[in-house]
């Protein structure tokens, strides 16, 4: 099992840079970063606050690290044109010498679309648009020139040069819907989902079914999962906390209990566990300490 981290986009650059250096020294697999322009809100209203731009941060990390994988989790095709996505990905892959993973999604966050006047589209049209975008992006990253005439995008004899170091540069899709899973089976090298083992296990079965329909061997797709990890000092504290957090997204317990959940992920067929820092402390020092505890007491059992 591989382990990666996910710093909140609100973290300062010095903290993210220091985290990246720490996990590279410790032996973690990678670092993921969200592509959003503001925190999400339940009512869909725009909100302020520092929120760093995904690909700028990943470019800086590509230039200042040497081993860890770096990836977007994930860039919305409602916001970004596939030509921009492909050229940006190829450039970061060059800077990192082949360590970049391009996470793509159809888009979902209401408040940022509302704030910037970007159309979110109804679900079907949004997925239609994504299907065209991922095909164009995939082809731009691998073919000399691309011509594509679609409903949402048209490109003519389009280049993407220089090409990425990796052949192919891996594209990740984070999804659980039936049609999006089939698109994943057709175009992606990696897949990501949320949730504790029970919920994530249900979705991985749906991915396997989508692969069967598309004639794709599911073992050829790298599968990653993340949850809100709450590290508790004892079982009593975990039982109390479990009643207060979102059960469909959380893994709550002592480091031993969390390790048991990781074993379950492994048995379900997941290859990588991503650990967001959202629940790991209120200060940079606390978050670094929590990551070190996770690495030494949980991840070490799978090395």
Protein backbone atom coordinates (compact mmCIF):
# COMPACT_ATOMS: atom_id res chain seq x y z
CA UNK A 1 0.00 0.00 0.00
CA UNK A 2 1.20 3.49 -0.89
CA UNK A 3 0.51 6.61 1.19
CA UNK A 4 0.12 10.22 0.07
CA UNK A 5 -0.83 13.48 1.74
CA UNK A 6 -3.30 16.21 0.83
CA UNK A 7 -2.68 19.67 2.35
CA UNK A 8 -5.65 22.03 2.44
CA UNK A 9 -5.41 24.80 -0.15
CA UNK A 10 -5.64 27.33 2.69
CA UNK A 11 -2.19 26.34 3.97
CA UNK A 12 0.63 28.80 3.39
CA UNK A 13 3.30 28.05 0.82
CA UNK A 14 6.02 27.69 3.50
CA UNK A 15 3.93 25.04 5.29
CA UNK A 16 3.20 23.10 2.09
CA UNK A 17 6.84 23.28 1.02
CA UNK A 18 8.02 22.09 4.43
CA UNK A 19 5.48 19.26 4.40
CA UNK A 20 6.62 18.15 0.96
CA UNK A 21 10.25 18.09 2.08
CA UNK A 22 9.34 16.15 5.22
CA UNK A 23 7.35 13.44 3.45
CA UNK A 24 9.99 13.10 0.76
CA UNK A 25 12.59 12.42 3.44
CA UNK A 26 10.30 10.05 5.34
CA UNK A 27 9.33 7.93 2.33
CA UNK A 28 5.74 8.89 1.51
CA UNK A 29 4.55 8.20 -2.03
CA UNK A 30 3.08 11.54 -3.07
CA UNK A 31 1.23 14.80 -2.51
CA UNK A 32 -2.19 15.76 -3.90
CA UNK A 33 -3.59 19.27 -4.20
CA UNK A 34 -7.15 20.42 -4.89
CA UNK A 35 -8.01 22.65 -7.85
CA UNK A 36 -10.45 25.15 -6.36
CA UNK A 37 -10.51 28.91 -5.96
CA UNK A 38 -12.36 29.19 -2.64
CA UNK A 39 -13.61 26.97 0.17
CA UNK A 40 -16.88 25.17 -0.49
CA UNK A 41 -20.09 26.41 1.16
CA UNK A 42 -23.26 24.45 1.85
CA UNK A 43 -25.50 27.21 0.49
CA UNK A 44 -23.47 27.75 -2.68
CA UNK A 45 -22.57 31.32 -1.78
CA UNK A 46 -19.07 32.63 -2.57
CA UNK A 47 -16.75 33.06 0.39
CA UNK A 48 -13.39 34.74 0.88
CA UNK A 49 -10.17 33.48 2.43
CA UNK A 50 -6.70 32.56 1.22
CA UNK A 51 -6.88 29.71 -1.29
CA UNK A 52 -3.83 28.91 -3.36
CA UNK A 53 -3.99 28.03 -7.05
CA UNK A 54 -3.39 24.33 -7.66
CA UNK A 55 -1.07 24.24 -10.65
CA UNK A 56 1.11 27.10 -9.44
CA UNK A 57 1.71 25.21 -6.19
CA UNK A 58 2.34 21.92 -8.03
CA UNK A 59 4.80 23.62 -10.40
CA UNK A 60 6.72 25.03 -7.45
CA UNK A 61 6.77 21.62 -5.75
CA UNK A 62 7.90 19.97 -8.98
CA UNK A 63 10.92 22.27 -8.99
CA UNK A 64 11.77 21.84 -5.30
CA UNK A 65 11.30 18.08 -4.76
CA UNK A 66 12.97 15.13 -6.42
CA UNK A 67 11.08 11.92 -5.62
CA UNK A 68 7.43 12.23 -4.55
CA UNK A 69 4.58 12.07 -7.05
CA UNK A 70 2.51 15.23 -7.45
CA UNK A 71 -1.09 15.39 -8.59
CA UNK A 72 -4.19 17.54 -9.02
CA UNK A 73 -7.26 16.29 -7.18
CA UNK A 74 -8.98 17.28 -9.48
CA UNK A 75 -9.14 19.96 -12.18
CA UNK A 76 -12.71 20.74 -13.36
CA UNK A 77 -13.35 20.72 -17.10
CA UNK A 78 -16.09 23.31 -16.64
CA UNK A 79 -13.39 25.82 -15.70
CA UNK A 80 -10.40 24.74 -17.80
CA UNK A 81 -10.15 24.11 -21.54
CA UNK A 82 -8.53 20.75 -22.44
CA UNK A 83 -5.73 22.53 -24.33
CA UNK A 84 -4.78 24.38 -21.14
CA UNK A 85 -5.09 21.23 -19.05
CA UNK A 86 -2.88 19.19 -21.38
CA UNK A 87 -0.16 21.79 -21.89
CA UNK A 88 -0.03 22.60 -18.18
CA UNK A 89 0.23 18.90 -17.29
CA UNK A 90 2.97 18.24 -19.83
CA UNK A 91 4.99 21.18 -18.54
CA UNK A 92 4.75 20.11 -14.88
CA UNK A 93 5.68 16.57 -15.88
CA UNK A 94 8.79 17.98 -17.54
CA UNK A 95 9.68 20.11 -14.53
CA UNK A 96 9.24 17.12 -12.20
CA UNK A 97 11.04 14.69 -14.54
CA UNK A 98 8.03 12.42 -14.86
CA UNK A 99 6.33 12.62 -11.44
CA UNK A 100 3.01 14.27 -12.30
CA UNK A 101 -0.49 12.79 -12.25
CA UNK A 102 -3.28 14.73 -13.94
CA UNK A 103 -6.49 14.49 -11.95
CA UNK A 104 -9.56 15.56 -13.94
CA UNK A 105 -13.23 15.93 -13.03
CA UNK A 106 -16.47 17.22 -14.49
CA UNK A 107 -16.81 20.07 -11.95
CA UNK A 108 -19.15 20.38 -8.99
CA UNK A 109 -18.44 23.30 -6.63
CA UNK A 110 -21.37 25.70 -6.97
CA UNK A 111 -19.98 28.80 -5.27
CA UNK A 112 -16.87 29.22 -7.40
CA UNK A 113 -18.85 28.83 -10.62
CA UNK A 114 -21.37 31.38 -9.31
CA UNK A 115 -18.69 33.86 -8.23
CA UNK A 116 -16.77 33.82 -11.51
CA UNK A 117 -19.70 33.49 -13.89
CA UNK A 118 -18.66 30.03 -15.10
CA UNK A 119 -21.51 27.81 -16.19
CA UNK A 120 -21.76 24.58 -14.22
CA UNK A 121 -24.30 22.97 -16.61
CA UNK A 122 -26.89 20.38 -15.76
CA UNK A 123 -25.44 16.95 -14.84
CA UNK A 124 -25.86 15.25 -18.24
CA UNK A 125 -24.39 18.14 -20.19
CA UNK A 126 -21.58 18.46 -17.66
CA UNK A 127 -20.61 14.81 -18.17
CA UNK A 128 -20.96 15.19 -21.96
CA UNK A 129 -18.49 18.07 -21.76
CA UNK A 130 -16.13 16.08 -19.53
CA UNK A 131 -16.15 13.11 -21.91
CA UNK A 132 -15.05 15.33 -24.78
CA UNK A 133 -12.46 17.11 -22.64
CA UNK A 134 -10.77 13.97 -21.31
CA UNK A 135 -10.55 12.47 -24.80
CA UNK A 136 -8.98 15.64 -26.21
CA UNK A 137 -6.60 15.95 -23.26
CA UNK A 138 -5.52 12.32 -23.48
CA UNK A 139 -4.87 12.60 -27.19
CA UNK A 140 -3.00 15.90 -26.88
CA UNK A 141 -0.66 14.29 -24.36
CA UNK A 142 0.13 11.34 -26.63
CA UNK A 143 -0.48 12.25 -30.30
CA UNK A 144 1.52 14.61 -32.51
CA UNK A 145 -1.55 16.59 -33.64
CA UNK A 146 -5.19 16.34 -32.64
CA UNK A 147 -8.35 17.18 -34.55
CA UNK A 148 -11.66 16.78 -32.74
CA UNK A 149 -15.12 18.10 -33.56
CA UNK A 150 -17.57 17.86 -30.68
CA UNK A 151 -20.56 19.62 -29.21
CA UNK A 152 -18.56 21.49 -26.59
CA UNK A 153 -14.99 21.54 -27.92
CA UNK A 154 -13.39 21.75 -31.33
CA UNK A 155 -9.66 21.53 -31.99
CA UNK A 156 -7.95 21.46 -35.39
CA UNK A 157 -4.48 20.05 -36.00
CA UNK A 158 -3.66 21.00 -32.40
CA UNK A 159 -0.18 20.34 -30.92
CA UNK A 160 0.90 19.89 -27.31
CA UNK A 161 4.66 20.25 -27.20
CA UNK A 162 6.88 19.30 -25.57
CA UNK A 163 5.28 16.01 -24.73
CA UNK A 164 5.38 14.81 -21.11
CA UNK A 165 8.19 12.59 -19.86
CA UNK A 166 5.79 9.76 -18.98
CA UNK A 167 4.26 7.62 -21.71
CA UNK A 168 1.44 7.89 -20.97
CA UNK A 169 1.19 10.66 -18.44
CA UNK A 170 -1.35 9.14 -16.01
CA UNK A 171 -4.80 10.69 -15.94
CA UNK A 172 -6.84 10.19 -12.77
CA UNK A 173 -10.60 10.56 -12.51
CA UNK A 174 -12.35 10.95 -9.17
CA UNK A 175 -15.90 9.67 -9.55
CA UNK A 176 -18.58 7.22 -8.50
CA UNK A 177 -21.37 7.71 -11.03
CA UNK A 178 -22.09 4.93 -13.57
CA UNK A 179 -21.40 6.93 -16.72
CA UNK A 180 -18.32 8.66 -15.28
CA UNK A 181 -16.97 5.27 -14.24
CA UNK A 182 -17.30 4.01 -17.80
CA UNK A 183 -15.50 7.09 -19.07
CA UNK A 184 -12.80 6.35 -16.50
CA UNK A 185 -12.50 2.80 -17.80
CA UNK A 186 -12.02 4.14 -21.35
CA UNK A 187 -9.56 6.94 -20.78
CA UNK A 188 -7.93 6.93 -17.33
CA UNK A 189 -4.93 5.21 -15.81
CA UNK A 190 -5.94 6.02 -12.23
CA UNK A 191 -9.16 6.38 -10.21
CA UNK A 192 -9.97 7.96 -6.86
CA UNK A 193 -12.87 7.88 -4.41
CA UNK A 194 -13.85 9.03 -0.91
CA UNK A 195 -14.99 7.13 2.12
CA UNK A 196 -14.34 4.51 4.81
CA UNK A 197 -13.79 0.93 3.65
CA UNK A 198 -17.48 -0.05 3.54
CA UNK A 199 -18.53 2.83 1.30
CA UNK A 200 -15.38 2.84 -0.82
CA UNK A 201 -15.75 -0.91 -1.30
CA UNK A 202 -19.20 -0.44 -2.83
CA UNK A 203 -17.83 2.08 -5.33
CA UNK A 204 -14.82 -0.02 -6.32
CA UNK A 205 -17.23 -2.81 -7.25
CA UNK A 206 -19.04 -0.37 -9.52
CA UNK A 207 -15.70 0.53 -11.13
CA UNK A 208 -14.98 -3.14 -11.73
CA UNK A 209 -18.41 -3.53 -13.36
CA UNK A 210 -17.76 -0.50 -15.57
CA UNK A 211 -14.41 -1.95 -16.63
CA UNK A 212 -16.10 -5.22 -17.56
CA UNK A 213 -18.58 -3.35 -19.76
CA UNK A 214 -15.75 -1.46 -21.47
CA UNK A 215 -13.48 -4.49 -21.87
CA UNK A 216 -10.88 -3.03 -19.51
CA UNK A 217 -8.91 -5.08 -17.02
CA UNK A 218 -9.55 -3.28 -13.69
CA UNK A 219 -6.11 -4.30 -12.44
CA UNK A 220 -4.62 -1.88 -14.99
CA UNK A 221 -6.17 1.08 -13.13
CA UNK A 222 -4.33 2.43 -10.07
CA UNK A 223 -6.94 2.93 -7.34
CA UNK A 224 -6.67 5.49 -4.55
CA UNK A 225 -8.95 6.43 -1.69
CA UNK A 226 -9.10 9.10 0.99
CA UNK A 227 -11.10 9.72 4.14
CA UNK A 228 -11.15 12.19 6.99
CA UNK A 229 -8.81 10.44 9.41
CA UNK A 230 -9.39 11.23 13.10
CA UNK A 231 -6.57 9.91 15.29
CA UNK A 232 -7.86 9.27 18.82
CA UNK A 233 -5.95 8.39 22.00
CA UNK A 234 -8.26 5.50 22.94
CA UNK A 235 -11.39 3.62 21.91
CA UNK A 236 -13.64 5.60 24.26
CA UNK A 237 -12.64 8.89 22.71
CA UNK A 238 -13.16 7.39 19.25
CA UNK A 239 -16.68 6.22 20.10
CA UNK A 240 -17.63 9.68 21.30
CA UNK A 241 -16.12 11.46 18.31
CA UNK A 242 -17.66 9.06 15.79
CA UNK A 243 -21.13 10.39 16.64
CA UNK A 244 -20.09 13.94 15.70
CA UNK A 245 -18.37 13.52 12.32
CA UNK A 246 -19.69 12.59 8.85
CA UNK A 247 -19.74 8.79 8.90
CA UNK A 248 -19.75 8.49 5.10
CA UNK A 249 -16.38 10.25 4.88
CA UNK A 250 -14.58 9.44 8.11
CA UNK A 251 -12.29 6.87 9.68
CA UNK A 252 -12.16 7.41 13.44
CA UNK A 253 -10.02 5.54 15.94
CA UNK A 254 -6.68 4.83 17.51
CA UNK A 255 -3.74 4.30 15.19
CA UNK A 256 -4.33 0.55 15.57
CA UNK A 257 -7.96 0.92 14.43
CA UNK A 258 -6.92 3.10 11.52
CA UNK A 259 -4.38 0.46 10.50
CA UNK A 260 -7.21 -2.10 10.50
CA UNK A 261 -9.14 0.16 8.10
CA UNK A 262 -6.07 0.39 5.84
CA UNK A 263 -5.92 -3.41 5.75
CA UNK A 264 -9.55 -3.42 4.63
CA UNK A 265 -8.78 -0.92 1.85
CA UNK A 266 -5.94 -3.17 0.75
CA UNK A 267 -8.17 -6.25 0.68
CA UNK A 268 -10.73 -4.34 -1.41
CA UNK A 269 -8.11 -3.68 -4.07
CA UNK A 270 -6.97 -0.14 -3.36
CA UNK A 271 -3.35 0.73 -4.14
CA UNK A 272 -2.98 4.07 -2.39
CA UNK A 273 -4.39 5.87 0.64
CA UNK A 274 -4.43 9.65 0.59
CA UNK A 275 -4.41 11.38 3.99
CA UNK A 276 -5.92 14.91 3.99
CA UNK A 277 -4.66 17.25 6.67
CA UNK A 278 -8.13 18.70 7.32
CA UNK A 279 -8.52 16.81 10.62
CA UNK A 280 -4.90 16.60 11.72
CA UNK A 281 -4.55 19.76 13.80
CA UNK A 282 -5.05 23.51 13.94
CA UNK A 283 -1.42 24.59 13.49
CA UNK A 284 1.36 23.67 11.06
CA UNK A 285 3.27 22.03 13.91
CA UNK A 286 0.29 19.88 14.91
CA UNK A 287 -0.32 18.81 11.34
CA UNK A 288 3.31 17.83 10.78
CA UNK A 289 3.29 15.89 14.05
CA UNK A 290 0.07 14.10 13.08
CA UNK A 291 1.53 13.10 9.71
CA UNK A 292 4.63 11.74 11.46
CA UNK A 293 2.44 9.73 13.85
CA UNK A 294 0.43 8.37 10.94
CA UNK A 295 3.61 7.42 9.11
CA UNK A 296 5.34 5.75 12.05
CA UNK A 297 2.33 4.02 13.64
CA UNK A 298 0.06 3.26 10.66
CA UNK A 299 1.86 3.39 7.31
CA UNK A 300 4.94 1.61 8.70
CA UNK A 301 2.88 -1.58 8.99
CA UNK A 302 2.48 -1.68 5.20
CA UNK A 303 6.03 -0.89 4.09
